[in-house]
All heavy atoms as atom14 arrays in JSON, in Angstrom:
{
  "sequence": "IARTGDRTYYADSVKGRFTISRDNAKNTLYLQMNNLRPEDTAVYF",
  "atom14_mask": [
    [1, 1, 1, 1, 1, 1, 1, 1, 0, 0, 0, 0, 0, 0],
    [1, 1, 1, 1, 1, 0, 0, 0, 0, 0, 0, 0, 0, 0],
    [1, 1, 1, 1, 1, 1, 1, 1, 1, 1, 1, 0, 0, 0],
    [1, 1, 1, 1, 1, 1, 1, 0, 0, 0, 0, 0, 0, 0],
    [1, 1, 1, 1, 0, 0, 0, 0, 0, 0, 0, 0, 0, 0],
    [1, 1, 1, 1, 1, 1, 1, 1, 0, 0, 0, 0, 0, 0],
    [1, 1, 1, 1, 1, 1, 1, 1, 1, 1, 1, 0, 0, 0],
    [1, 1, 1, 1, 1, 1, 1, 0, 0, 0, 0, 0, 0, 0],
    [1, 1, 1, 1, 1, 1, 1, 1, 1, 1, 1, 1, 0, 0],
    [1, 1, 1, 1, 1, 1, 1, 1, 1, 1, 1, 1, 0, 0],
    [1, 1, 1, 1, 1, 0, 0, 0, 0, 0, 0, 0, 0, 0],
    [1, 1, 1, 1, 1, 1, 1, 1, 0, 0, 0, 0, 0, 0],
    [1, 1, 1, 1, 1, 1, 0, 0, 0, 0, 0, 0, 0, 0],
    [1, 1, 1, 1, 1, 1, 1, 0, 0, 0, 0, 0, 0, 0],
    [1, 1, 1, 1, 1, 1, 1, 1, 1, 0, 0, 0, 0, 0],
    [1, 1, 1, 1, 0, 0, 0, 0, 0, 0, 0, 0, 0, 0],
    [1, 1, 1, 1, 1, 1, 1, 1, 1, 1, 1, 0, 0, 0],
    [1, 1, 1, 1, 1, 1, 1, 1, 1, 1, 1, 0, 0, 0],
    [1, 1, 1, 1, 1, 1, 1, 0, 0, 0, 0, 0, 0, 0],
    [1, 1, 1, 1, 1, 1, 1, 1, 0, 0, 0, 0, 0, 0],
    [1, 1, 1, 1, 1, 1, 0, 0, 0, 0, 0, 0, 0, 0],
    [1, 1, 1, 1, 1, 1, 1, 1, 1, 1, 1, 0, 0, 0],
    [1, 1, 1, 1, 1, 1, 1, 1, 0, 0, 0, 0, 0, 0],
    [1, 1, 1, 1, 1, 1, 1, 1, 0, 0, 0, 0, 0, 0],
    [1, 1, 1, 1, 1, 0, 0, 0, 0, 0, 0, 0, 0, 0],
    [1, 1, 1, 1, 1, 1, 1, 1, 1, 0, 0, 0, 0, 0],
    [1, 1, 1, 1, 1, 1, 1, 1, 0, 0, 0, 0, 0, 0],
    [1, 1, 1, 1, 1, 1, 1, 0, 0, 0, 0, 0, 0, 0],
    [1, 1, 1, 1, 1, 1, 1, 1, 0, 0, 0, 0, 0, 0],
    [1, 1, 1, 1, 1, 1, 1, 1, 1, 1, 1, 1, 0, 0],
    [1, 1, 1, 1, 1, 1, 1, 1, 0, 0, 0, 0, 0, 0],
    [1, 1, 1, 1, 1, 1, 1, 1, 1, 0, 0, 0, 0, 0],
    [1, 1, 1, 1, 1, 1, 1, 1, 0, 0, 0, 0, 0, 0],
    [1, 1, 1, 1, 1, 1, 1, 1, 0, 0, 0, 0, 0, 0],
    [1, 1, 1, 1, 1, 1, 1, 1, 0, 0, 0, 0, 0, 0],
    [1, 1, 1, 1, 1, 1, 1, 1, 0, 0, 0, 0, 0, 0],
    [1, 1, 1, 1, 1, 1, 1, 1, 1, 1, 1, 0, 0, 0],
    [1, 1, 1, 1, 1, 1, 1, 0, 0, 0, 0, 0, 0, 0],
    [1, 1, 1, 1, 1, 1, 1, 1, 1, 0, 0, 0, 0, 0],
    [1, 1, 1, 1, 1, 1, 1, 1, 0, 0, 0, 0, 0, 0],
    [1, 1, 1, 1, 1, 1, 1, 0, 0, 0, 0, 0, 0, 0],
    [1, 1, 1, 1, 1, 0, 0, 0, 0, 0, 0, 0, 0, 0],
    [1, 1, 1, 1, 1, 1, 1, 0, 0, 0, 0, 0, 0, 0],
    [1, 1, 1, 1, 1, 1, 1, 1, 1, 1, 1, 1, 0, 0],
    [1, 1, 1, 1, 1, 1, 1, 1, 1, 1, 1, 0, 0, 0]
  ],
  "atom14_positions": [
    [[13.45, -8.38, -8.72], [14.2, -7.72, -9.75], [15.61, -7.46, -9.11], [15.87, -7.01, -8.04], [13.49, -6.43, -10.2], [14.23, -5.77, -11.44], [13.37, -5.41, -9.09], [13.42, -4.74, -12.09], [0.0, 0.0, 0.0], [0.0, 0.0, 0.0], [0.0, 0.0, 0.0], [0.0, 0.0, 0.0], [0.0, 0.0, 0.0], [0.0, 0.0, 0.0]],
    [[16.59, -7.51, -9.99], [17.95, -7.28, -9.57], [18.22, -5.74, -9.39], [17.43, -4.92, -9.82], [18.95, -7.89, -10.77], [0.0, 0.0, 0.0], [0.0, 0.0, 0.0], [0.0, 0.0, 0.0], [0.0, 0.0, 0.0], [0.0, 0.0, 0.0], [0.0, 0.0, 0.0], [0.0, 0.0, 0.0], [0.0, 0.0, 0.0], [0.0, 0.0, 0.0]],
    [[19.37, -5.57, -8.84], [19.68, -4.09, -8.49], [19.64, -3.12, -9.65], [19.19, -2.0, -9.58], [21.0, -4.07, -7.77], [20.93, -4.83, -6.43], [22.18, -4.51, -5.56], [23.48, -4.78, -6.2], [24.68, -4.78, -5.59], [24.68, -4.38, -4.27], [25.83, -5.09, -6.26], [0.0, 0.0, 0.0], [0.0, 0.0, 0.0], [0.0, 0.0, 0.0]],
    [[20.2, -3.62, -10.81], [20.29, -2.81, -11.96], [19.02, -2.96, -12.86], [18.9, -2.3, -13.88], [21.49, -3.12, -12.84], [21.44, -4.53, -13.27], [22.77, -2.94, -12.0], [0.0, 0.0, 0.0], [0.0, 0.0, 0.0], [0.0, 0.0, 0.0], [0.0, 0.0, 0.0], [0.0, 0.0, 0.0], [0.0, 0.0, 0.0], [0.0, 0.0, 0.0]],
    [[18.16, -3.88, -12.51], [16.94, -4.07, -13.24], [17.22, -5.07, -14.54], [16.24, -5.18, -15.33], [0.0, 0.0, 0.0], [0.0, 0.0, 0.0], [0.0, 0.0, 0.0], [0.0, 0.0, 0.0], [0.0, 0.0, 0.0], [0.0, 0.0, 0.0], [0.0, 0.0, 0.0], [0.0, 0.0, 0.0], [0.0, 0.0, 0.0], [0.0, 0.0, 0.0]],
    [[18.41, -5.65, -14.62], [18.74, -6.42, -15.78], [18.19, -7.94, -15.64], [18.17, -8.51, -16.63], [20.19, -6.43, -16.01], [21.05, -7.07, -14.78], [20.6, -6.82, -13.67], [22.01, -7.62, -15.07], [0.0, 0.0, 0.0], [0.0, 0.0, 0.0], [0.0, 0.0, 0.0], [0.0, 0.0, 0.0], [0.0, 0.0, 0.0], [0.0, 0.0, 0.0]],
    [[17.79, -8.31, -14.55], [17.26, -9.68, -14.3], [15.94, -9.57, -13.48], [15.84, -8.84, -12.55], [18.24, -10.57, -13.6], [19.47, -10.95, -14.4], [20.3, -11.88, -13.6], [20.88, -11.08, -12.47], [21.37, -11.75, -11.31], [21.39, -13.13, -11.33], [21.9, -11.06, -10.37], [0.0, 0.0, 0.0], [0.0, 0.0, 0.0], [0.0, 0.0, 0.0]],
    [[15.03, -10.36, -14.07], [13.72, -10.51, -13.28], [13.25, -11.94, -13.19], [13.58, -12.68, -14.1], [12.65, -9.71, -13.95], [12.46, -10.04, -15.27], [12.92, -8.13, -13.91], [0.0, 0.0, 0.0], [0.0, 0.0, 0.0], [0.0, 0.0, 0.0], [0.0, 0.0, 0.0], [0.0, 0.0, 0.0], [0.0, 0.0, 0.0], [0.0, 0.0, 0.0]],
    [[12.6, -12.25, -12.17], [12.01, -13.62, -11.98], [10.63, -13.47, -11.42], [10.28, -12.57, -10.64], [12.92, -14.4, -11.04], [14.3, -14.54, -11.59], [15.29, -13.75, -11.19], [14.57, -15.62, -12.45], [16.6, -13.85, -11.63], [15.94, -15.83, -12.89], [16.9, -14.85, -12.49], [18.08, -15.05, -13.03], [0.0, 0.0, 0.0], [0.0, 0.0, 0.0]],
    [[9.8, -14.5, -11.81], [8.44, -14.45, -11.38], [7.89, -15.86, -10.89], [8.45, -16.73, -11.42], [7.49, -14.09, -12.63], [7.8, -12.71, -13.2], [8.76, -12.5, -14.17], [7.09, -11.62, -12.71], [8.95, -11.3, -14.7], [7.4, -10.27, -13.28], [8.28, -10.17, -14.27], [8.59, -8.94, -14.73], [0.0, 0.0, 0.0], [0.0, 0.0, 0.0]],
    [[6.93, -15.8, -10.03], [6.3, -17.0, -9.67], [5.43, -17.5, -10.86], [5.04, -16.66, -11.74], [5.34, -16.67, -8.58], [0.0, 0.0, 0.0], [0.0, 0.0, 0.0], [0.0, 0.0, 0.0], [0.0, 0.0, 0.0], [0.0, 0.0, 0.0], [0.0, 0.0, 0.0], [0.0, 0.0, 0.0], [0.0, 0.0, 0.0], [0.0, 0.0, 0.0]],
    [[5.41, -18.8, -10.98], [4.61, -19.42, -12.14], [3.18, -18.87, -12.16], [2.54, -18.75, -13.31], [4.6, -20.95, -12.06], [6.0, -21.52, -12.35], [6.79, -20.84, -12.92], [6.16, -22.68, -12.05], [0.0, 0.0, 0.0], [0.0, 0.0, 0.0], [0.0, 0.0, 0.0], [0.0, 0.0, 0.0], [0.0, 0.0, 0.0], [0.0, 0.0, 0.0]],
    [[2.61, -18.62, -11.02], [1.24, -18.16, -10.98], [0.89, -16.72, -11.74], [-0.16, -16.38, -11.99], [0.72, -18.1, -9.6], [1.54, -17.33, -8.73], [0.0, 0.0, 0.0], [0.0, 0.0, 0.0], [0.0, 0.0, 0.0], [0.0, 0.0, 0.0], [0.0, 0.0, 0.0], [0.0, 0.0, 0.0], [0.0, 0.0, 0.0], [0.0, 0.0, 0.0]],
    [[1.98, -15.99, -11.72], [1.93, -14.63, -12.3], [2.62, -14.36, -13.49], [2.41, -13.37, -14.26], [2.2, -13.55, -11.25], [1.63, -13.72, -9.82], [3.81, -13.45, -11.05], [0.0, 0.0, 0.0], [0.0, 0.0, 0.0], [0.0, 0.0, 0.0], [0.0, 0.0, 0.0], [0.0, 0.0, 0.0], [0.0, 0.0, 0.0], [0.0, 0.0, 0.0]],
    [[3.42, -15.29, -14.0], [4.22, -15.22, -15.21], [3.42, -14.97, -16.34], [2.44, -15.68, -16.63], [5.16, -16.47, -15.33], [6.27, -16.33, -16.26], [7.16, -17.56, -16.29], [7.79, -17.79, -14.92], [8.62, -18.97, -14.87], [0.0, 0.0, 0.0], [0.0, 0.0, 0.0], [0.0, 0.0, 0.0], [0.0, 0.0, 0.0], [0.0, 0.0, 0.0]],
    [[3.87, -13.91, -17.09], [3.06, -13.55, -18.42], [2.01, -12.57, -18.11], [1.48, -12.03, -19.14], [0.0, 0.0, 0.0], [0.0, 0.0, 0.0], [0.0, 0.0, 0.0], [0.0, 0.0, 0.0], [0.0, 0.0, 0.0], [0.0, 0.0, 0.0], [0.0, 0.0, 0.0], [0.0, 0.0, 0.0], [0.0, 0.0, 0.0], [0.0, 0.0, 0.0]],
    [[1.63, -12.3, -16.89], [0.63, -11.4, -16.5], [1.11, -10.14, -15.73], [0.67, -9.08, -15.86], [-0.54, -12.07, -15.58], [-1.11, -13.17, -16.45], [-2.29, -13.68, -15.59], [-1.98, -14.26, -14.3], [-2.38, -13.81, -13.13], [-3.25, -12.81, -13.07], [-1.96, -14.32, -12.02], [0.0, 0.0, 0.0], [0.0, 0.0, 0.0], [0.0, 0.0, 0.0]],
    [[2.2, -10.41, -14.93], [2.7, -9.32, -14.09], [4.11, -8.83, -14.58], [4.85, -9.76, -15.17], [2.97, -9.85, -12.69], [1.59, -10.02, -11.85], [0.34, -10.05, -12.37], [1.75, -10.2, -10.46], [-0.76, -10.2, -11.79], [0.59, -10.36, -9.75], [-0.68, -10.35, -10.33], [0.0, 0.0, 0.0], [0.0, 0.0, 0.0], [0.0, 0.0, 0.0]],
    [[4.45, -7.64, -14.43], [5.74, -7.14, -14.87], [6.32, -6.31, -13.63], [5.73, -5.3, -13.32], [5.76, -6.32, -16.11], [5.16, -7.15, -17.18], [7.14, -5.85, -16.53], [0.0, 0.0, 0.0], [0.0, 0.0, 0.0], [0.0, 0.0, 0.0], [0.0, 0.0, 0.0], [0.0, 0.0, 0.0], [0.0, 0.0, 0.0], [0.0, 0.0, 0.0]],
    [[7.48, -6.71, -13.26], [8.22, -5.93, -12.18], [9.19, -5.02, -12.88], [9.82, -5.33, -13.9], [8.89, -6.82, -11.18], [9.35, -6.1, -9.97], [9.99, -7.75, -11.83], [9.91, -6.92, -8.78], [0.0, 0.0, 0.0], [0.0, 0.0, 0.0], [0.0, 0.0, 0.0], [0.0, 0.0, 0.0], [0.0, 0.0, 0.0], [0.0, 0.0, 0.0]],
    [[9.36, -3.76, -12.37], [10.28, -2.89, -12.89], [10.79, -1.82, -11.84], [10.17, -1.88, -10.78], [9.72, -2.07, -14.11], [8.61, -1.28, -13.75], [0.0, 0.0, 0.0], [0.0, 0.0, 0.0], [0.0, 0.0, 0.0], [0.0, 0.0, 0.0], [0.0, 0.0, 0.0], [0.0, 0.0, 0.0], [0.0, 0.0, 0.0], [0.0, 0.0, 0.0]],
    [[11.76, -1.13, -12.07], [12.22, -0.15, -11.09], [12.81, 1.02, -11.81], [13.39, 0.91, -13.0], [13.29, -0.73, -10.12], [14.64, -1.21, -10.74], [15.46, -2.07, -9.84], [15.91, -1.45, -8.74], [16.37, -1.95, -7.65], [16.41, -3.33, -7.49], [16.67, -1.25, -6.57], [0.0, 0.0, 0.0], [0.0, 0.0, 0.0], [0.0, 0.0, 0.0]],
    [[12.8, 2.17, -11.15], [13.38, 3.4, -11.67], [14.34, 3.85, -10.47], [13.88, 4.45, -9.48], [12.35, 4.45, -11.91], [12.9, 5.62, -12.57], [14.15, 5.9, -12.44], [12.12, 6.34, -13.27], [0.0, 0.0, 0.0], [0.0, 0.0, 0.0], [0.0, 0.0, 0.0], [0.0, 0.0, 0.0], [0.0, 0.0, 0.0], [0.0, 0.0, 0.0]],
    [[15.63, 3.59, -10.6], [16.49, 3.87, -9.5], [16.74, 5.37, -9.38], [17.0, 5.84, -8.19], [17.87, 3.15, -9.81], [17.85, 1.76, -9.55], [16.89, 1.22, -8.99], [18.8, 1.04, -10.03], [0.0, 0.0, 0.0], [0.0, 0.0, 0.0], [0.0, 0.0, 0.0], [0.0, 0.0, 0.0], [0.0, 0.0, 0.0], [0.0, 0.0, 0.0]],
    [[16.59, 6.12, -10.38], [16.64, 7.59, -10.33], [15.49, 8.19, -9.4], [15.67, 9.24, -8.81], [16.55, 8.27, -11.62], [0.0, 0.0, 0.0], [0.0, 0.0, 0.0], [0.0, 0.0, 0.0], [0.0, 0.0, 0.0], [0.0, 0.0, 0.0], [0.0, 0.0, 0.0], [0.0, 0.0, 0.0], [0.0, 0.0, 0.0], [0.0, 0.0, 0.0]],
    [[14.33, 7.42, -9.36], [13.14, 7.91, -8.71], [13.01, 7.14, -7.33], [11.99, 7.39, -6.6], [11.94, 7.88, -9.48], [11.9, 8.78, -10.63], [10.61, 8.67, -11.43], [10.61, 9.55, -12.61], [9.38, 9.52, -13.35], [0.0, 0.0, 0.0], [0.0, 0.0, 0.0], [0.0, 0.0, 0.0], [0.0, 0.0, 0.0], [0.0, 0.0, 0.0]],
    [[13.82, 6.21, -7.07], [13.78, 5.39, -5.84], [12.44, 4.63, -5.79], [11.76, 4.65, -4.75], [13.99, 6.16, -4.51], [15.42, 6.38, -4.26], [16.35, 6.23, -5.07], [15.85, 6.8, -2.99], [0.0, 0.0, 0.0], [0.0, 0.0, 0.0], [0.0, 0.0, 0.0], [0.0, 0.0, 0.0], [0.0, 0.0, 0.0], [0.0, 0.0, 0.0]],
    [[12.02, 4.18, -6.93], [10.59, 3.55, -6.91], [10.64, 2.1, -7.58], [11.31, 1.92, -8.65], [9.64, 4.53, -7.68], [9.64, 5.76, -6.98], [8.29, 3.96, -7.67], [0.0, 0.0, 0.0], [0.0, 0.0, 0.0], [0.0, 0.0, 0.0], [0.0, 0.0, 0.0], [0.0, 0.0, 0.0], [0.0, 0.0, 0.0], [0.0, 0.0, 0.0]],
    [[9.88, 1.22, -7.07], [9.65, -0.05, -7.63], [8.21, -0.13, -8.04], [7.3, 0.48, -7.48], [9.92, -1.13, -6.51], [9.58, -2.62, -6.8], [10.71, -3.09, -7.75], [9.49, -3.37, -5.58], [0.0, 0.0, 0.0], [0.0, 0.0, 0.0], [0.0, 0.0, 0.0], [0.0, 0.0, 0.0], [0.0, 0.0, 0.0], [0.0, 0.0, 0.0]],
    [[7.95, -0.83, -9.19], [6.68, -1.08, -9.68], [6.24, -2.49, -9.93], [7.04, -3.33, -10.07], [6.58, -0.37, -11.08], [6.92, 1.16, -11.05], [8.18, 1.57, -11.4], [5.93, 2.13, -10.65], [8.58, 2.88, -11.36], [6.26, 3.47, -10.63], [7.63, 3.85, -11.01], [7.95, 5.23, -10.94], [0.0, 0.0, 0.0], [0.0, 0.0, 0.0]],
    [[4.97, -2.79, -9.9], [4.45, -3.99, -10.37], [3.18, -3.82, -11.22], [2.1, -3.36, -10.66], [4.07, -4.91, -9.19], [3.63, -6.33, -9.53], [4.79, -7.2, -10.09], [3.01, -6.97, -8.2], [0.0, 0.0, 0.0], [0.0, 0.0, 0.0], [0.0, 0.0, 0.0], [0.0, 0.0, 0.0], [0.0, 0.0, 0.0], [0.0, 0.0, 0.0]],
    [[3.35, -3.97, -12.44], [2.17, -3.93, -13.4], [1.47, -5.25, -13.33], [2.08, -6.27, -13.77], [2.7, -3.52, -14.79], [1.55, -3.44, -15.88], [0.58, -2.3, -15.57], [1.09, -1.25, -15.3], [-0.72, -2.47, -15.61], [0.0, 0.0, 0.0], [0.0, 0.0, 0.0], [0.0, 0.0, 0.0], [0.0, 0.0, 0.0], [0.0, 0.0, 0.0]],
    [[0.23, -5.23, -13.17], [-0.59, -6.46, -13.08], [-1.68, -6.32, -14.09], [-2.61, -5.52, -13.98], [-1.13, -6.57, -11.65], [-0.12, -6.53, -10.6], [-0.8, -6.93, -8.87], [-1.86, -5.5, -8.7], [0.0, 0.0, 0.0], [0.0, 0.0, 0.0], [0.0, 0.0, 0.0], [0.0, 0.0, 0.0], [0.0, 0.0, 0.0], [0.0, 0.0, 0.0]],
    [[-1.66, -7.35, -15.01], [-2.65, -7.32, -16.09], [-3.42, -8.67, -15.92], [-3.02, -9.62, -15.38], [-1.94, -7.23, -17.4], [-1.33, -5.86, -17.65], [-1.79, -4.88, -17.18], [-0.2, -5.94, -18.3], [0.0, 0.0, 0.0], [0.0, 0.0, 0.0], [0.0, 0.0, 0.0], [0.0, 0.0, 0.0], [0.0, 0.0, 0.0], [0.0, 0.0, 0.0]],
    [[-4.64, -8.72, -16.62], [-5.43, -9.87, -16.56], [-5.58, -10.53, -15.22], [-5.41, -11.68, -14.98], [-4.88, -10.93, -17.6], [-5.84, -12.01, -17.82], [-7.01, -11.85, -17.81], [-5.2, -13.19, -18.2], [0.0, 0.0, 0.0], [0.0, 0.0, 0.0], [0.0, 0.0, 0.0], [0.0, 0.0, 0.0], [0.0, 0.0, 0.0], [0.0, 0.0, 0.0]],
    [[-5.95, -9.62, -14.21], [-6.03, -10.09, -12.87], [-7.15, -11.16, -12.76], [-8.18, -11.1, -13.37], [-6.33, -8.99, -11.94], [-5.11, -8.04, -11.69], [-5.56, -6.66, -11.32], [-4.27, -8.73, -10.7], [0.0, 0.0, 0.0], [0.0, 0.0, 0.0], [0.0, 0.0, 0.0], [0.0, 0.0, 0.0], [0.0, 0.0, 0.0], [0.0, 0.0, 0.0]],
    [[-6.89, -12.03, -11.78], [-7.79, -13.16, -11.45], [-8.16, -13.03, -9.98], [-7.54, -12.53, -9.17], [-7.12, -14.53, -11.66], [-6.64, -14.6, -13.07], [-5.68, -15.81, -13.13], [-5.12, -16.08, -14.46], [-4.15, -16.9, -14.75], [-3.59, -17.61, -13.78], [-3.84, -17.07, -16.03], [0.0, 0.0, 0.0], [0.0, 0.0, 0.0], [0.0, 0.0, 0.0]],
    [[-9.38, -13.6, -9.57], [-9.78, -13.62, -8.14], [-8.71, -14.06, -7.18], [-8.53, -13.66, -6.13], [-11.1, -14.46, -8.16], [-11.65, -14.23, -9.54], [-10.49, -14.1, -10.41], [0.0, 0.0, 0.0], [0.0, 0.0, 0.0], [0.0, 0.0, 0.0], [0.0, 0.0, 0.0], [0.0, 0.0, 0.0], [0.0, 0.0, 0.0], [0.0, 0.0, 0.0]],
    [[-7.91, -15.19, -7.72], [-6.94, -15.77, -6.87], [-5.73, -14.84, -6.64], [-4.79, -15.11, -5.83], [-6.52, -17.11, -7.39], [-6.07, -17.1, -8.9], [-7.2, -17.47, -9.79], [-8.35, -17.08, -9.63], [-6.91, -18.29, -10.74], [0.0, 0.0, 0.0], [0.0, 0.0, 0.0], [0.0, 0.0, 0.0], [0.0, 0.0, 0.0], [0.0, 0.0, 0.0]],
    [[-5.76, -13.65, -7.3], [-4.62, -12.64, -7.05], [-4.96, -11.86, -5.87], [-4.16, -11.01, -5.5], [-4.38, -11.87, -8.29], [-3.92, -12.51, -9.5], [-3.09, -13.43, -9.34], [-4.38, -12.26, -10.54], [0.0, 0.0, 0.0], [0.0, 0.0, 0.0], [0.0, 0.0, 0.0], [0.0, 0.0, 0.0], [0.0, 0.0, 0.0], [0.0, 0.0, 0.0]],
    [[-6.16, -11.97, -5.39], [-6.55, -11.22, -4.25], [-5.67, -11.43, -3.05], [-5.51, -12.49, -2.56], [-8.07, -11.46, -3.8], [-8.92, -11.05, -4.89], [-8.42, -10.73, -2.56], [0.0, 0.0, 0.0], [0.0, 0.0, 0.0], [0.0, 0.0, 0.0], [0.0, 0.0, 0.0], [0.0, 0.0, 0.0], [0.0, 0.0, 0.0], [0.0, 0.0, 0.0]],
    [[-5.08, -10.4, -2.48], [-4.11, -10.41, -1.39], [-3.61, -9.05, -1.02], [-3.86, -8.05, -1.63], [-2.91, -11.36, -1.76], [0.0, 0.0, 0.0], [0.0, 0.0, 0.0], [0.0, 0.0, 0.0], [0.0, 0.0, 0.0], [0.0, 0.0, 0.0], [0.0, 0.0, 0.0], [0.0, 0.0, 0.0], [0.0, 0.0, 0.0], [0.0, 0.0, 0.0]],
    [[-2.92, -9.05, 0.18], [-2.16, -7.84, 0.49], [-0.85, -7.99, -0.23], [-0.12, -9.02, -0.07], [-2.02, -7.68, 1.98], [-1.12, -6.51, 2.18], [-3.39, -7.44, 2.64], [0.0, 0.0, 0.0], [0.0, 0.0, 0.0], [0.0, 0.0, 0.0], [0.0, 0.0, 0.0], [0.0, 0.0, 0.0], [0.0, 0.0, 0.0], [0.0, 0.0, 0.0]],
    [[-0.4, -7.02, -0.9], [0.86, -7.0, -1.61], [1.88, -6.17, -0.94], [1.66, -5.02, -0.59], [0.6, -6.56, -3.09], [0.08, -7.53, -4.03], [-1.33, -7.91, -3.86], [0.81, -8.18, -5.04], [-1.89, -8.87, -4.65], [0.24, -9.09, -5.84], [-1.19, -9.45, -5.65], [-1.71, -10.38, -6.41], [0.0, 0.0, 0.0], [0.0, 0.0, 0.0]],
    [[3.09, -6.71, -0.76], [4.16, -6.05, -0.04], [5.36, -5.95, -0.85], [5.69, -6.82, -1.64], [4.58, -6.93, 1.24], [3.52, -7.11, 2.24], [2.63, -8.22, 2.16], [3.42, -6.34, 3.34], [1.71, -8.42, 3.08], [2.42, -6.5, 4.3], [1.55, -7.56, 4.13], [0.0, 0.0, 0.0], [0.0, 0.0, 0.0], [0.0, 0.0, 0.0]]
  ]
}
């Protein structure tokens, strides 16, 4: 996600299922993950 949150890009493997967002006032980044699959199993950084 871009600094202002105006642009986002996704890997093809997660597109349509994951949503990245940020709240700059709270210094926090988010990743909403829906319709999870076994192949999503990983450590997320």
